[in-house]
Amino acid sequence: MFIGIHATWDVYSCNADKLSFVPYIKETLHTITATLNLEELNEAFKQFEPIGVTGFILLAESHISIHTWPEHNYAAIDVFSCKEFDANVVTKLLGELFESNKIELNQLDRGSLEIAKGSNMGVK
């Protein structure tokens, strides 16, 4: 049993126009959090000149973030959550939203509950 799930997506061959501006990126992250039924607490987005965006949404369950390189038709996205979610649902959604057919998903279980429960052992 694990405390959280950390999923990352490398999204290639994206529509560069969709990667270039904060409003679309913000809408995309909000769509993902709503799809996963995650609770948004706060957000920060930065528009780079001439193109590119970094965005972050603080979640009650942890976070979702994105950084885009429109000049390379590429976006890096991650979700870390203490609530279980289906990363494959996000993969499909990202393909649709960024018009990409080349997405690499990596998923990591974070924090063993068994180890965490025994974490006081040996601490002085």
PDB file of N, CA and C in Angstrom:
ATOM      1  N   MET A   1       0.841  -1.179   0.000  1.00  0.00           N
ATOM      2  CA  MET A   1       0.000   0.000   0.000  1.00  0.00           C
ATOM      3  C   MET A   1       0.889   1.245   0.000  1.00  0.00           C
ATOM      4  N   PHE A   2       0.463   2.247  -0.766  1.00  0.00           N
ATOM      5  CA  PHE A   2       1.265   3.452  -0.926  1.00  0.00           C
ATOM      6  C   PHE A   2       0.487   4.696  -0.523  1.00  0.00           C
ATOM      7  N   ILE A   3       1.231   5.742  -0.215  1.00  0.00           N
ATOM      8  CA  ILE A   3       0.636   7.002   0.218  1.00  0.00           C
ATOM      9  C   ILE A   3       0.140   7.808  -0.972  1.00  0.00           C
ATOM     10  N   GLY A   4       0.876   7.773  -2.081  1.00  0.00           N
ATOM     11  CA  GLY A   4       0.487   8.575  -3.230  1.00  0.00           C
ATOM     12  C   GLY A   4       0.902   7.984  -4.554  1.00  0.00           C
ATOM     13  N   ILE A   5       0.376   8.562  -5.610  1.00  0.00           N
ATOM     14  CA  ILE A   5       0.710   8.206  -6.983  1.00  0.00           C
ATOM     15  C   ILE A   5       1.312   9.446  -7.641  1.00  0.00           C
ATOM     16  N   HIS A   6       2.451   9.266  -8.299  1.00  0.00           N
ATOM     17  CA  HIS A   6       3.077  10.348  -9.047  1.00  0.00           C
ATOM     18  C   HIS A   6       3.181   9.898 -10.497  1.00  0.00           C
ATOM     19  N   ALA A   7       2.461  10.574 -11.368  1.00  0.00           N
ATOM     20  CA  ALA A   7       2.469  10.248 -12.793  1.00  0.00           C
ATOM     21  C   ALA A   7       3.054  11.411 -13.568  1.00  0.00           C
ATOM     22  N   THR A   8       3.872  11.083 -14.571  1.00  0.00           N
ATOM     23  CA  THR A   8       4.432  12.103 -15.461  1.00  0.00           C
ATOM     24  C   THR A   8       4.115  11.728 -16.895  1.00  0.00           C
ATOM     25  N   TRP A   9       3.926  12.753 -17.702  1.00  0.00           N
ATOM     26  CA  TRP A   9       3.661  12.562 -19.120  1.00  0.00           C
ATOM     27  C   TRP A   9       4.616  13.425 -19.918  1.00  0.00           C
ATOM     28  N   ASP A  10       5.284  12.820 -20.877  1.00  0.00           N
ATOM     29  CA  ASP A  10       6.041  13.545 -21.894  1.00  0.00           C
ATOM     30  C   ASP A  10       5.163  13.513 -23.134  1.00  0.00           C
ATOM     31  N   VAL A  11       4.710  14.696 -23.540  1.00  0.00           N
ATOM     32  CA  VAL A  11       3.752  14.795 -24.644  1.00  0.00           C
ATOM     33  C   VAL A  11       4.466  15.419 -25.839  1.00  0.00           C
ATOM     34  N   TYR A  12       4.623  14.620 -26.882  1.00  0.00           N
ATOM     35  CA  TYR A  12       5.349  15.038 -28.086  1.00  0.00           C
ATOM     36  C   TYR A  12       4.392  15.323 -29.238  1.00  0.00           C
ATOM     37  N   SER A  13       4.915  15.985 -30.267  1.00  0.00           N
ATOM     38  CA  SER A  13       4.152  16.252 -31.499  1.00  0.00           C
ATOM     39  C   SER A  13       2.847  16.983 -31.207  1.00  0.00           C
ATOM     40  N   CYS A  14       2.909  17.931 -30.281  1.00  0.00           N
ATOM     41  CA  CYS A  14       1.724  18.711 -29.901  1.00  0.00           C
ATOM     42  C   CYS A  14       1.463  19.831 -30.889  1.00  0.00           C
ATOM     43  N   ASN A  15       0.257  20.331 -30.860  1.00  0.00           N
ATOM     44  CA  ASN A  15      -0.090  21.546 -31.580  1.00  0.00           C
ATOM     45  C   ASN A  15       0.597  22.705 -30.856  1.00  0.00           C
ATOM     46  N   ALA A  16       1.587  23.316 -31.490  1.00  0.00           N
ATOM     47  CA  ALA A  16       2.393  24.365 -30.854  1.00  0.00           C
ATOM     48  C   ALA A  16       1.549  25.552 -30.403  1.00  0.00           C
ATOM     49  N   ASP A  17       0.515  25.898 -31.160  1.00  0.00           N
ATOM     50  CA  ASP A  17      -0.329  27.033 -30.767  1.00  0.00           C
ATOM     51  C   ASP A  17      -1.008  26.779 -29.430  1.00  0.00           C
ATOM     52  N   LYS A  18      -1.392  25.534 -29.179  1.00  0.00           N
ATOM     53  CA  LYS A  18      -2.066  25.203 -27.924  1.00  0.00           C
ATOM     54  C   LYS A  18      -1.097  25.210 -26.743  1.00  0.00           C
ATOM     55  N   LEU A  19       0.185  25.052 -27.015  1.00  0.00           N
ATOM     56  CA  LEU A  19       1.198  25.060 -25.952  1.00  0.00           C
ATOM     57  C   LEU A  19       1.694  26.455 -25.629  1.00  0.00           C
ATOM     58  N   SER A  20       1.298  27.445 -26.409  1.00  0.00           N
ATOM     59  CA  SER A  20       1.941  28.751 -26.368  1.00  0.00           C
ATOM     60  C   SER A  20       1.337  29.763 -25.421  1.00  0.00           C
ATOM     61  N   PHE A  21       0.118  29.545 -24.951  1.00  0.00           N
ATOM     62  CA  PHE A  21      -0.539  30.609 -24.209  1.00  0.00           C
ATOM     63  C   PHE A  21      -1.214  30.110 -22.934  1.00  0.00           C
ATOM     64  N   VAL A  22      -1.126  30.923 -21.905  1.00  0.00           N
ATOM     65  CA  VAL A  22      -1.658  30.580 -20.585  1.00  0.00           C
ATOM     66  C   VAL A  22      -3.136  30.189 -20.607  1.00  0.00           C
ATOM     67  N   PRO A  23      -4.023  30.918 -21.268  1.00  0.00           N
ATOM     68  CA  PRO A  23      -5.449  30.546 -21.168  1.00  0.00           C
ATOM     69  C   PRO A  23      -5.734  29.101 -21.559  1.00  0.00           C
ATOM     70  N   TYR A  24      -5.110  28.610 -22.624  1.00  0.00           N
ATOM     71  CA  TYR A  24      -5.367  27.225 -23.029  1.00  0.00           C
ATOM     72  C   TYR A  24      -4.741  26.240 -22.047  1.00  0.00           C
ATOM     73  N   ILE A  25      -3.543  26.532 -21.587  1.00  0.00           N
ATOM     74  CA  ILE A  25      -2.854  25.654 -20.639  1.00  0.00           C
ATOM     75  C   ILE A  25      -3.635  25.597 -19.322  1.00  0.00           C
ATOM     76  N   LYS A  26      -4.101  26.732 -18.876  1.00  0.00           N
ATOM     77  CA  LYS A  26      -4.889  26.785 -17.639  1.00  0.00           C
ATOM     78  C   LYS A  26      -6.158  25.951 -17.778  1.00  0.00           C
ATOM     79  N   GLU A  27      -6.858  26.124 -18.884  1.00  0.00           N
ATOM     80  CA  GLU A  27      -8.080  25.348 -19.141  1.00  0.00           C
ATOM     81  C   GLU A  27      -7.773  23.849 -19.167  1.00  0.00           C
ATOM     82  N   THR A  28      -6.650  23.479 -19.750  1.00  0.00           N
ATOM     83  CA  THR A  28      -6.249  22.073 -19.833  1.00  0.00           C
ATOM     84  C   THR A  28      -6.027  21.482 -18.445  1.00  0.00           C
ATOM     85  N   LEU A  29      -5.284  22.186 -17.590  1.00  0.00           N
ATOM     86  CA  LEU A  29      -5.038  21.668 -16.242  1.00  0.00           C
ATOM     87  C   LEU A  29      -6.327  21.592 -15.434  1.00  0.00           C
ATOM     88  N   HIS A  30      -7.199  22.574 -15.584  1.00  0.00           N
ATOM     89  CA  HIS A  30      -8.488  22.531 -14.884  1.00  0.00           C
ATOM     90  C   HIS A  30      -9.339  21.356 -15.374  1.00  0.00           C
ATOM     91  N   THR A  31      -9.275  21.061 -16.660  1.00  0.00           N
ATOM     92  CA  THR A  31     -10.005  19.916 -17.212  1.00  0.00           C
ATOM     93  C   THR A  31      -9.485  18.611 -16.610  1.00  0.00           C
ATOM     94  N   ILE A  32      -8.166  18.496 -16.487  1.00  0.00           N
ATOM     95  CA  ILE A  32      -7.583  17.279 -15.905  1.00  0.00           C
ATOM     96  C   ILE A  32      -8.008  17.131 -14.450  1.00  0.00           C
ATOM     97  N   THR A  33      -7.915  18.204 -13.665  1.00  0.00           N
ATOM     98  CA  THR A  33      -8.279  18.090 -12.244  1.00  0.00           C
ATOM     99  C   THR A  33      -9.758  17.759 -12.086  1.00  0.00           C
ATOM    100  N   ALA A  34     -10.606  18.334 -12.923  1.00  0.00           N
ATOM    101  CA  ALA A  34     -12.041  18.025 -12.854  1.00  0.00           C
ATOM    102  C   ALA A  34     -12.295  16.569 -13.255  1.00  0.00           C
ATOM    103  N   THR A  35     -11.615  16.105 -14.289  1.00  0.00           N
ATOM    104  CA  THR A  35     -11.771  14.721 -14.738  1.00  0.00           C
ATOM    105  C   THR A  35     -11.370  13.737 -13.643  1.00  0.00           C
ATOM    106  N   LEU A  36     -10.315  14.063 -12.902  1.00  0.00           N
ATOM    107  CA  LEU A  36      -9.832  13.188 -11.831  1.00  0.00           C
ATOM    108  C   LEU A  36     -10.537  13.442 -10.501  1.00  0.00           C
ATOM    109  N   ASN A  37     -11.453  14.421 -10.489  1.00  0.00           N
ATOM    110  CA  ASN A  37     -12.195  14.775  -9.281  1.00  0.00           C
ATOM    111  C   ASN A  37     -11.246  15.163  -8.137  1.00  0.00           C
ATOM    112  N   LEU A  38     -10.277  16.032  -8.471  1.00  0.00           N
ATOM    113  CA  LEU A  38      -9.322  16.534  -7.488  1.00  0.00           C
ATOM    114  C   LEU A  38      -9.715  17.949  -7.082  1.00  0.00           C
ATOM    115  N   GLU A  39      -9.396  18.321  -5.842  1.00  0.00           N
ATOM    116  CA  GLU A  39      -9.805  19.615  -5.302  1.00  0.00           C
ATOM    117  C   GLU A  39      -8.698  20.652  -5.475  1.00  0.00           C
ATOM    118  N   GLU A  40      -8.994  21.693  -6.245  1.00  0.00           N
ATOM    119  CA  GLU A  40      -8.038  22.773  -6.488  1.00  0.00           C
ATOM    120  C   GLU A  40      -8.049  23.765  -5.331  1.00  0.00           C
ATOM    121  N   LEU A  41      -6.841  24.179  -4.901  1.00  0.00           N
ATOM    122  CA  LEU A  41      -6.706  25.149  -3.810  1.00  0.00           C
ATOM    123  C   LEU A  41      -6.161  26.486  -4.283  1.00  0.00           C
ATOM    124  N   ASN A  42      -5.172  26.452  -5.188  1.00  0.00           N
ATOM    125  CA  ASN A  42      -4.526  27.678  -5.653  1.00  0.00           C
ATOM    126  C   ASN A  42      -3.833  27.376  -6.973  1.00  0.00           C
ATOM    127  N   GLU A  43      -3.414  28.410  -7.685  1.00  0.00           N
ATOM    128  CA  GLU A  43      -2.742  28.204  -8.957  1.00  0.00           C
ATOM    129  C   GLU A  43      -1.773  29.332  -9.262  1.00  0.00           C
ATOM    130  N   ALA A  44      -0.807  29.028 -10.112  1.00  0.00           N
ATOM    131  CA  ALA A  44       0.138  30.025 -10.616  1.00  0.00           C
ATOM    132  C   ALA A  44       0.520  29.627 -12.032  1.00  0.00           C
ATOM    133  N   PHE A  45       0.519  30.600 -12.934  1.00  0.00           N
ATOM    134  CA  PHE A  45       0.896  30.365 -14.325  1.00  0.00           C
ATOM    135  C   PHE A  45       1.801  31.499 -14.779  1.00  0.00           C
ATOM    136  N   LYS A  46       2.759  31.165 -15.629  1.00  0.00           N
ATOM    137  CA  LYS A  46       3.704  32.143 -16.151  1.00  0.00           C
ATOM    138  C   LYS A  46       3.778  32.007 -17.663  1.00  0.00           C
ATOM    139  N   GLN A  47       3.525  33.117 -18.358  1.00  0.00           N
ATOM    140  CA  GLN A  47       3.671  33.174 -19.816  1.00  0.00           C
ATOM    141  C   GLN A  47       5.088  33.634 -20.122  1.00  0.00           C
ATOM    142  N   PHE A  48       5.828  32.852 -20.887  1.00  0.00           N
ATOM    143  CA  PHE A  48       7.172  33.243 -21.291  1.00  0.00           C
ATOM    144  C   PHE A  48       7.121  33.927 -22.648  1.00  0.00           C
ATOM    145  N   GLU A  49       8.081  34.796 -22.903  1.00  0.00           N
ATOM    146  CA  GLU A  49       8.165  35.504 -24.184  1.00  0.00           C
ATOM    147  C   GLU A  49       9.341  34.969 -24.961  1.00  0.00           C
ATOM    148  N   PRO A  50       9.178  34.621 -26.211  1.00  0.00           N
ATOM    149  CA  PRO A  50       7.973  34.875 -26.994  1.00  0.00           C
ATOM    150  C   PRO A  50       6.903  33.798 -26.830  1.00  0.00           C
ATOM    151  N   ILE A  51       7.287  32.585 -26.413  1.00  0.00           N
ATOM    152  CA  ILE A  51       6.298  31.512 -26.286  1.00  0.00           C
ATOM    153  C   ILE A  51       6.663  30.612 -25.114  1.00  0.00           C
ATOM    154  N   GLY A  52       5.719  29.802 -24.707  1.00  0.00           N
ATOM    155  CA  GLY A  52       5.950  28.831 -23.647  1.00  0.00           C
ATOM    156  C   GLY A  52       5.230  29.211 -22.366  1.00  0.00           C
ATOM    157  N   VAL A  53       4.886  28.201 -21.595  1.00  0.00           N
ATOM    158  CA  VAL A  53       4.116  28.396 -20.372  1.00  0.00           C
ATOM    159  C   VAL A  53       4.599  27.423 -19.297  1.00  0.00           C
ATOM    160  N   THR A  54       4.626  27.900 -18.069  1.00  0.00           N
ATOM    161  CA  THR A  54       4.761  27.034 -16.910  1.00  0.00           C
ATOM    162  C   THR A  54       3.518  27.253 -16.060  1.00  0.00           C
ATOM    163  N   GLY A  55       2.945  26.173 -15.559  1.00  0.00           N
ATOM    164  CA  GLY A  55       1.755  26.301 -14.729  1.00  0.00           C
ATOM    165  C   GLY A  55       1.743  25.275 -13.621  1.00  0.00           C
ATOM    166  N   PHE A  56       1.084  25.649 -12.533  1.00  0.00           N
ATOM    167  CA  PHE A  56       1.034  24.803 -11.346  1.00  0.00           C
ATOM    168  C   PHE A  56      -0.308  25.020 -10.656  1.00  0.00           C
ATOM    169  N   ILE A  57      -0.964  23.922 -10.283  1.00  0.00           N
ATOM    170  CA  ILE A  57      -2.169  24.017  -9.464  1.00  0.00           C
ATOM    171  C   ILE A  57      -1.918  23.224  -8.194  1.00  0.00           C
ATOM    172  N   LEU A  58      -2.049  23.903  -7.074  1.00  0.00           N
ATOM    173  CA  LEU A  58      -1.959  23.264  -5.768  1.00  0.00           C
ATOM    174  C   LEU A  58      -3.283  22.562  -5.511  1.00  0.00           C
ATOM    175  N   LEU A  59      -3.208  21.285  -5.176  1.00  0.00           N
ATOM    176  CA  LEU A  59      -4.403  20.487  -4.919  1.00  0.00           C
ATOM    177  C   LEU A  59      -4.482  20.111  -3.452  1.00  0.00           C
ATOM    178  N   ALA A  60      -5.668  19.855  -2.959  1.00  0.00           N
ATOM    179  CA  ALA A  60      -5.816  19.309  -1.607  1.00  0.00           C
ATOM    180  C   ALA A  60      -5.077  17.975  -1.531  1.00  0.00           C
ATOM    181  N   GLU A  61      -5.004  17.281  -2.671  1.00  0.00           N
ATOM    182  CA  GLU A  61      -4.368  15.967  -2.738  1.00  0.00           C
ATOM    183  C   GLU A  61      -2.881  16.054  -3.069  1.00  0.00           C
ATOM    184  N   SER A  62      -2.367  17.172  -3.543  1.00  0.00           N
ATOM    185  CA  SER A  62      -0.965  17.486  -3.812  1.00  0.00           C
ATOM    186  C   SER A  62      -0.858  18.522  -4.918  1.00  0.00           C
ATOM    187  N   HIS A  63      -0.468  18.125  -6.169  1.00  0.00           N
ATOM    188  CA  HIS A  63      -0.285  19.136  -7.213  1.00  0.00           C
ATOM    189  C   HIS A  63      -0.403  18.551  -8.614  1.00  0.00           C
ATOM    190  N   ILE A  64      -0.563  19.473  -9.583  1.00  0.00           N
ATOM    191  CA  ILE A  64      -0.440  19.182 -11.007  1.00  0.00           C
ATOM    192  C   ILE A  64       0.383  20.317 -11.591  1.00  0.00           C
ATOM    193  N   SER A  65       1.318  19.978 -12.493  1.00  0.00           N
ATOM    194  CA  SER A  65       2.144  21.026 -13.095  1.00  0.00           C
ATOM    195  C   SER A  65       2.406  20.727 -14.566  1.00  0.00           C
ATOM    196  N   ILE A  66       2.800  21.793 -15.291  1.00  0.00           N
ATOM    197  CA  ILE A  66       3.103  21.675 -16.714  1.00  0.00           C
ATOM    198  C   ILE A  66       4.187  22.678 -17.075  1.00  0.00           C
ATOM    199  N   HIS A  67       5.011  22.292 -18.017  1.00  0.00           N
ATOM    200  CA  HIS A  67       5.944  23.226 -18.659  1.00  0.00           C
ATOM    201  C   HIS A  67       5.915  22.895 -20.136  1.00  0.00           C
ATOM    202  N   THR A  68       5.790  23.938 -20.973  1.00  0.00           N
ATOM    203  CA  THR A  68       5.672  23.710 -22.418  1.00  0.00           C
ATOM    204  C   THR A  68       6.848  24.307 -23.179  1.00  0.00           C
ATOM    205  N   TRP A  69       7.210  23.624 -24.248  1.00  0.00           N
ATOM    206  CA  TRP A  69       8.210  24.078 -25.210  1.00  0.00           C
ATOM    207  C   TRP A  69       7.555  24.035 -26.588  1.00  0.00           C
ATOM    208  N   PRO A  70       6.775  25.075 -26.941  1.00  0.00           N
ATOM    209  CA  PRO A  70       6.089  25.070 -28.237  1.00  0.00           C
ATOM    210  C   PRO A  70       7.054  24.938 -29.415  1.00  0.00           C
ATOM    211  N   GLU A  71       8.257  25.481 -29.273  1.00  0.00           N
ATOM    212  CA  GLU A  71       9.227  25.406 -30.369  1.00  0.00           C
ATOM    213  C   GLU A  71       9.676  23.963 -30.646  1.00  0.00           C
ATOM    214  N   HIS A  72       9.422  23.068 -29.693  1.00  0.00           N
ATOM    215  CA  HIS A  72       9.733  21.651 -29.862  1.00  0.00           C
ATOM    216  C   HIS A  72       8.463  20.788 -29.898  1.00  0.00           C
ATOM    217  N   ASN A  73       7.303  21.444 -29.898  1.00  0.00           N
ATOM    218  CA  ASN A  73       6.009  20.738 -29.896  1.00  0.00           C
ATOM    219  C   ASN A  73       5.932  19.736 -28.740  1.00  0.00           C
ATOM    220  N   TYR A  74       6.378  20.173 -27.554  1.00  0.00           N
ATOM    221  CA  TYR A  74       6.536  19.274 -26.415  1.00  0.00           C
ATOM    222  C   TYR A  74       5.999  19.904 -25.133  1.00  0.00           C
ATOM    223  N   ALA A  75       5.395  19.054 -24.286  1.00  0.00           N
ATOM    224  CA  ALA A  75       4.958  19.480 -22.949  1.00  0.00           C
ATOM    225  C   ALA A  75       5.327  18.397 -21.939  1.00  0.00           C
ATOM    226  N   ALA A  76       5.740  18.844 -20.756  1.00  0.00           N
ATOM    227  CA  ALA A  76       6.012  17.945 -19.630  1.00  0.00           C
ATOM    228  C   ALA A  76       4.965  18.228 -18.561  1.00  0.00           C
ATOM    229  N   ILE A  77       4.260  17.184 -18.137  1.00  0.00           N
ATOM    230  CA  ILE A  77       3.149  17.331 -17.191  1.00  0.00           C
ATOM    231  C   ILE A  77       3.313  16.300 -16.092  1.00  0.00           C
ATOM    232  N   ASP A  78       2.927  16.681 -14.868  1.00  0.00           N
ATOM    233  CA  ASP A  78       2.909  15.682 -13.797  1.00  0.00           C
ATOM    234  C   ASP A  78       1.731  15.926 -12.870  1.00  0.00           C
ATOM    235  N   VAL A  79       1.275  14.830 -12.265  1.00  0.00           N
ATOM    236  CA  VAL A  79       0.254  14.875 -11.217  1.00  0.00           C
ATOM    237  C   VAL A  79       0.762  14.015 -10.071  1.00  0.00           C
ATOM    238  N   PHE A  80       0.770  14.596  -8.888  1.00  0.00           N
ATOM    239  CA  PHE A  80       1.067  13.833  -7.683  1.00  0.00           C
ATOM    240  C   PHE A  80      -0.165  13.937  -6.811  1.00  0.00           C
ATOM    241  N   SER A  81      -0.684  12.783  -6.355  1.00  0.00           N
ATOM    242  CA  SER A  81      -1.927  12.785  -5.592  1.00  0.00           C
ATOM    243  C   SER A  81      -1.934  11.667  -4.564  1.00  0.00           C
ATOM    244  N   CYS A  82      -2.487  11.964  -3.395  1.00  0.00           N
ATOM    245  CA  CYS A  82      -2.698  10.933  -2.380  1.00  0.00           C
ATOM    246  C   CYS A  82      -4.014  10.199  -2.634  1.00  0.00           C
ATOM    247  N   LYS A  83      -4.753  10.661  -3.634  1.00  0.00           N
ATOM    248  CA  LYS A  83      -6.011  10.004  -4.047  1.00  0.00           C
ATOM    249  C   LYS A  83      -5.707   9.195  -5.304  1.00  0.00           C
ATOM    250  N   GLU A  84      -6.171   7.953  -5.337  1.00  0.00           N
ATOM    251  CA  GLU A  84      -5.934   7.121  -6.510  1.00  0.00           C
ATOM    252  C   GLU A  84      -6.596   7.727  -7.740  1.00  0.00           C
ATOM    253  N   PHE A  85      -5.927   7.571  -8.880  1.00  0.00           N
ATOM    254  CA  PHE A  85      -6.492   8.018 -10.148  1.00  0.00           C
ATOM    255  C   PHE A  85      -5.971   7.132 -11.269  1.00  0.00           C
ATOM    256  N   ASP A  86      -6.671   7.162 -12.390  1.00  0.00           N
ATOM    257  CA  ASP A  86      -6.294   6.374 -13.560  1.00  0.00           C
ATOM    258  C   ASP A  86      -5.483   7.256 -14.501  1.00  0.00           C
ATOM    259  N   ALA A  87      -4.177   7.049 -14.537  1.00  0.00           N
ATOM    260  CA  ALA A  87      -3.288   7.862 -15.370  1.00  0.00           C
ATOM    261  C   ALA A  87      -3.583   7.685 -16.853  1.00  0.00           C
ATOM    262  N   ASN A  88      -4.122   6.541 -17.240  1.00  0.00           N
ATOM    263  CA  ASN A  88      -4.438   6.311 -18.652  1.00  0.00           C
ATOM    264  C   ASN A  88      -5.559   7.215 -19.138  1.00  0.00           C
ATOM    265  N   VAL A  89      -6.459   7.594 -18.240  1.00  0.00           N
ATOM    266  CA  VAL A  89      -7.514   8.552 -18.599  1.00  0.00           C
ATOM    267  C   VAL A  89      -6.888   9.892 -18.967  1.00  0.00           C
ATOM    268  N   VAL A  90      -5.889  10.308 -18.207  1.00  0.00           N
ATOM    269  CA  VAL A  90      -5.195  11.572 -18.482  1.00  0.00           C
ATOM    270  C   VAL A  90      -4.419  11.466 -19.795  1.00  0.00           C
ATOM    271  N   THR A  91      -3.783  10.339 -20.032  1.00  0.00           N
ATOM    272  CA  THR A  91      -3.037  10.145 -21.283  1.00  0.00           C
ATOM    273  C   THR A  91      -3.942  10.366 -22.482  1.00  0.00           C
ATOM    274  N   LYS A  92      -5.116   9.757 -22.460  1.00  0.00           N
ATOM    275  CA  LYS A  92      -6.078   9.915 -23.569  1.00  0.00           C
ATOM    276  C   LYS A  92      -6.513  11.371 -23.696  1.00  0.00           C
ATOM    277  N   LEU A  93      -6.802  11.996 -22.572  1.00  0.00           N
ATOM    278  CA  LEU A  93      -7.234  13.393 -22.564  1.00  0.00           C
ATOM    279  C   LEU A  93      -6.151  14.308 -23.130  1.00  0.00           C
ATOM    280  N   LEU A  94      -4.903  14.104 -22.734  1.00  0.00           N
ATOM    281  CA  LEU A  94      -3.790  14.926 -23.240  1.00  0.00           C
ATOM    282  C   LEU A  94      -3.636  14.765 -24.749  1.00  0.00           C
ATOM    283  N   GLY A  95      -3.817  13.546 -25.234  1.00  0.00           N
ATOM    284  CA  GLY A  95      -3.746  13.321 -26.680  1.00  0.00           C
ATOM    285  C   GLY A  95      -4.775  14.148 -27.428  1.00  0.00           C
ATOM    286  N   GLU A  96      -5.979  14.205 -26.874  1.00  0.00           N
ATOM    287  CA  GLU A  96      -7.052  14.984 -27.492  1.00  0.00           C
ATOM    288  C   GLU A  96      -6.796  16.481 -27.372  1.00  0.00           C
ATOM    289  N   LEU A  97      -6.442  16.944 -26.186  1.00  0.00           N
ATOM    290  CA  LEU A  97      -6.309  18.383 -25.932  1.00  0.00           C
ATOM    291  C   LEU A  97      -5.114  19.014 -26.648  1.00  0.00           C
ATOM    292  N   PHE A  98      -4.024  18.250 -26.791  1.00  0.00           N
ATOM    293  CA  PHE A  98      -2.826  18.782 -27.444  1.00  0.00           C
ATOM    294  C   PHE A  98      -2.618  18.234 -28.855  1.00  0.00           C
ATOM    295  N   GLU A  99      -3.596  17.445 -29.336  1.00  0.00           N
ATOM    296  CA  GLU A  99      -3.538  16.866 -30.675  1.00  0.00           C
ATOM    297  C   GLU A  99      -2.250  16.070 -30.871  1.00  0.00           C
ATOM    298  N   SER A 100      -1.941  15.236 -29.895  1.00  0.00           N
ATOM    299  CA  SER A 100      -0.713  14.443 -29.907  1.00  0.00           C
ATOM    300  C   SER A 100      -1.026  12.954 -30.004  1.00  0.00           C
ATOM    301  N   ASN A 101      -0.197  12.237 -30.745  1.00  0.00           N
ATOM    302  CA  ASN A 101      -0.316  10.776 -30.790  1.00  0.00           C
ATOM    303  C   ASN A 101       0.951  10.111 -30.250  1.00  0.00           C
ATOM    304  N   LYS A 102       1.810  10.894 -29.588  1.00  0.00           N
ATOM    305  CA  LYS A 102       3.054  10.362 -29.013  1.00  0.00           C
ATOM    306  C   LYS A 102       3.178  10.859 -27.575  1.00  0.00           C
ATOM    307  N   ILE A 103       2.749  10.008 -26.629  1.00  0.00           N
ATOM    308  CA  ILE A 103       2.765  10.372 -25.215  1.00  0.00           C
ATOM    309  C   ILE A 103       3.413   9.250 -24.429  1.00  0.00           C
ATOM    310  N   GLU A 104       4.379   9.610 -23.598  1.00  0.00           N
ATOM    311  CA  GLU A 104       5.017   8.639 -22.716  1.00  0.00           C
ATOM    312  C   GLU A 104       4.548   8.894 -21.286  1.00  0.00           C
ATOM    313  N   LEU A 105       3.986   7.856 -20.679  1.00  0.00           N
ATOM    314  CA  LEU A 105       3.498   7.915 -19.304  1.00  0.00           C
ATOM    315  C   LEU A 105       4.453   7.141 -18.401  1.00  0.00           C
ATOM    316  N   ASN A 106       4.827   7.753 -17.303  1.00  0.00           N
ATOM    317  CA  ASN A 106       5.577   7.065 -16.248  1.00  0.00           C
ATOM    318  C   ASN A 106       4.796   7.249 -14.957  1.00  0.00           C
ATOM    319  N   GLN A 107       4.641   6.159 -14.232  1.00  0.00           N
ATOM    320  CA  GLN A 107       3.878   6.221 -12.990  1.00  0.00           C
ATOM    321  C   GLN A 107       4.681   5.581 -11.874  1.00  0.00           C
ATOM    322  N   LEU A 108       4.671   6.238 -10.725  1.00  0.00           N
ATOM    323  CA  LEU A 108       5.449   5.788  -9.585  1.00  0.00           C
ATOM    324  C   LEU A 108       4.578   5.821  -8.340  1.00  0.00           C
ATOM    325  N   ASP A 109       4.541   4.712  -7.614  1.00  0.00           N
ATOM    326  CA  ASP A 109       3.888   4.699  -6.306  1.00  0.00           C
ATOM    327  C   ASP A 109       4.855   5.339  -5.324  1.00  0.00           C
ATOM    328  N   ARG A 110       4.362   6.282  -4.509  1.00  0.00           N
ATOM    329  CA  ARG A 110       5.221   7.029  -3.589  1.00  0.00           C
ATOM    330  C   ARG A 110       4.832   6.729  -2.148  1.00  0.00           C
ATOM    331  N   GLY A 111       5.820   6.542  -1.294  1.00  0.00           N
ATOM    332  CA  GLY A 111       5.590   6.410   0.135  1.00  0.00           C
ATOM    333  C   GLY A 111       4.940   5.121   0.566  1.00  0.00           C
ATOM    334  N   SER A 112       5.715   4.141   0.948  1.00  0.00           N
ATOM    335  CA  SER A 112       5.184   2.882   1.454  1.00  0.00           C
ATOM    336  C   SER A 112       4.520   3.098   2.811  1.00  0.00           C
ATOM    337  N   LEU A 113       3.254   2.729   2.925  1.00  0.00           N
ATOM    338  CA  LEU A 113       2.548   2.852   4.206  1.00  0.00           C
ATOM    339  C   LEU A 113       3.166   1.958   5.268  1.00  0.00           C
ATOM    340  N   GLU A 114       3.639   0.789   4.860  1.00  0.00           N
ATOM    341  CA  GLU A 114       4.251  -0.126   5.821  1.00  0.00           C
ATOM    342  C   GLU A 114       5.503   0.494   6.447  1.00  0.00           C
ATOM    343  N   ILE A 115       6.327   1.105   5.629  1.00  0.00           N
ATOM    344  CA  ILE A 115       7.543   1.752   6.138  1.00  0.00           C
ATOM    345  C   ILE A 115       7.174   2.983   6.964  1.00  0.00           C
ATOM    346  N   ALA A 116       6.204   3.766   6.473  1.00  0.00           N
ATOM    347  CA  ALA A 116       5.803   4.984   7.179  1.00  0.00           C
ATOM    348  C   ALA A 116       5.254   4.668   8.571  1.00  0.00           C
ATOM    349  N   LYS A 117       4.488   3.589   8.687  1.00  0.00           N
ATOM    350  CA  LYS A 117       3.928   3.219   9.991  1.00  0.00           C
ATOM    351  C   LYS A 117       5.012   2.838  10.982  1.00  0.00           C
ATOM    352  N   GLY A 118       6.118   2.305  10.502  1.00  0.00           N
ATOM    353  CA  GLY A 118       7.221   1.920  11.364  1.00  0.00           C
ATOM    354  C   GLY A 118       8.334   2.944  11.398  1.00  0.00           C
ATOM    355  N   SER A 119       8.050   4.175  10.930  1.00  0.00           N
ATOM    356  CA  SER A 119       9.105   5.182  10.763  1.00  0.00           C
ATOM    357  C   SER A 119       9.675   5.683  12.084  1.00  0.00           C
ATOM    358  N   ASN A 120       9.012   5.467  13.197  1.00  0.00           N
ATOM    359  CA  ASN A 120       9.556   5.909  14.482  1.00  0.00           C
ATOM    360  C   ASN A 120      10.633   4.959  14.993  1.00  0.00           C
ATOM    361  N   MET A 121      10.716   3.802  14.387  1.00  0.00           N
ATOM    362  CA  MET A 121      11.691   2.816  14.825  1.00  0.00           C
ATOM    363  C   MET A 121      13.102   3.308  14.510  1.00  0.00           C
ATOM    364  N   GLY A 122      13.959   3.328  15.490  1.00  0.00           N
ATOM    365  CA  GLY A 122      15.354   3.686  15.285  1.00  0.00           C
ATOM    366  C   GLY A 122      15.615   5.176  15.288  1.00  0.00           C
ATOM    367  N   VAL A 123      14.596   6.015  15.439  1.00  0.00           N
ATOM    368  CA  VAL A 123      14.785   7.466  15.469  1.00  0.00           C
ATOM    369  C   VAL A 123      15.113   7.885  16.890  1.00  0.00           C
ATOM    370  N   LYS A 124      16.149   8.690  17.025  1.00  0.00           N
ATOM    371  CA  LYS A 124      16.558   9.134  18.361  1.00  0.00           C
ATOM    372  C   LYS A 124      16.222  10.587  18.558  1.00  0.00           C
TER     373      LYS A 124
END
